[in-house]
Amino acid sequence: MVTSYRKWGVTMKTSDFARCLTAFFESYLPGIRNLSENTIKSYRDALRLLLVFCRDVCKISPERLDFKKLDDELVIQFLNWLESERGCSVSTRNQRLVAIHAFFRFASVQEPENMCLCQRILQIPYKKYTQPIIQHLSPEQTRALLATPDPAKKSGRRDRVLLSVLYDTGSRVQELCDLRVRDTRLDQPSVITVTGKGGKTRFVPITNNTTELLSSYMMENRLDRRTCPDAPLFTNQKGAKLTRGGVSHILSKHAAASLDETQKKITPHVLRHSKSMHLYQAGINLVYIRDFLGHVDISTTDVYARADTEMKRKQLENAYPDITPEPLMDWRHDEDLLSFLNSF
């Protein structure tokens, strides 16, 4: 369906797809769903790529796109194009499909005449793939990484506090970037208020060492909860709030100086995994770890139990006696056998 309206004295046509897409981003996602800015941007990127695919591959310009042209076959071709042409992983492909499903679920209500089309697209399954092994650092590697920033430099002191807070709170990188001065409470018991996905808030306790580091850092930079409560906790050299890219750059720089070749290319999320794994290895119940990380479902947290091969090995060693035989004697130490072989 195409509707027309006049603007600047020119008659303009709006397709049902364009009208629905506009309502999806302007009112439904931020208003009714109350999704976070990052989630909305992720949905936007997925649907923008779909428009790029229609324009460059299918030769359908965005202004001419409507629901009649957007069928399930086109969406499947788009998903395959993401993998084959853009080199996206299966995980990324599935994330794009989440956004497409969300839009067509909304469209099925807004445009009921296209209900059959929307249902066919909603039936496109997610592609199965092998879950990658969770990358995490050992306590020794973590300790070496956090000690790498030079405390003699102001930037080094900031980096040491930043990495310590990132690890100690198990925060996502965006959660760290969004921290404000008012989110810190350094009086005992010390906690940091973290705002996660969907605007959900959790209170995360921090250790005494992190509290002292944070106290010195805030005093040096005149970050007072009473005078500047809304100031960013961590800033760049220009005084602006650090971005996710900035935090990743800081981590990569210090990881390259402290870790071996297999661990140098790490992301901020690796520190979140590391904290979670260390809590689990210390015997903390998964329910508490779930709340600590801000997970909605404990099945998400259960991945750390499945990944902890070291704890499994120790429990198996303690649970079962040595049933397998002793190692075989080295034949090179058997003089009779050596004499026999040398006689040939």
Foldseek 3Di string as FASTA:
>chain_A
DWDWDDDPNDIDIAAPVRVLVCCCLPDCVCPVVVFDPVLSVLLVVLVVLLQVCCCPPVVQHPRRDYLVPDAQVSLVVSLVCCCPPVVDDLVSSQSSLVSVLVSLVSVCVVPVVCVVRSVRSNPPDRDDDDDDFQAADDPVLLVQLLPQQDPVDLVSLLLSLLSLCLQQLLADLVQLLQFFLLQWDLPPQTWGWTQDTSRDIATAGGDPVSSVSLVVNCVVVVRDCVPGRGQGSDDDPVRHGDDLVRNQVSSLVSLVVGDDPVGSNDHSNNSSLHSLLVCVVVPHDLVVSCRSHVHPDSVVSCSSVVNPVVVVVVVVPVPDDPPDDDDDDDPVPVPVVVVVVVVD
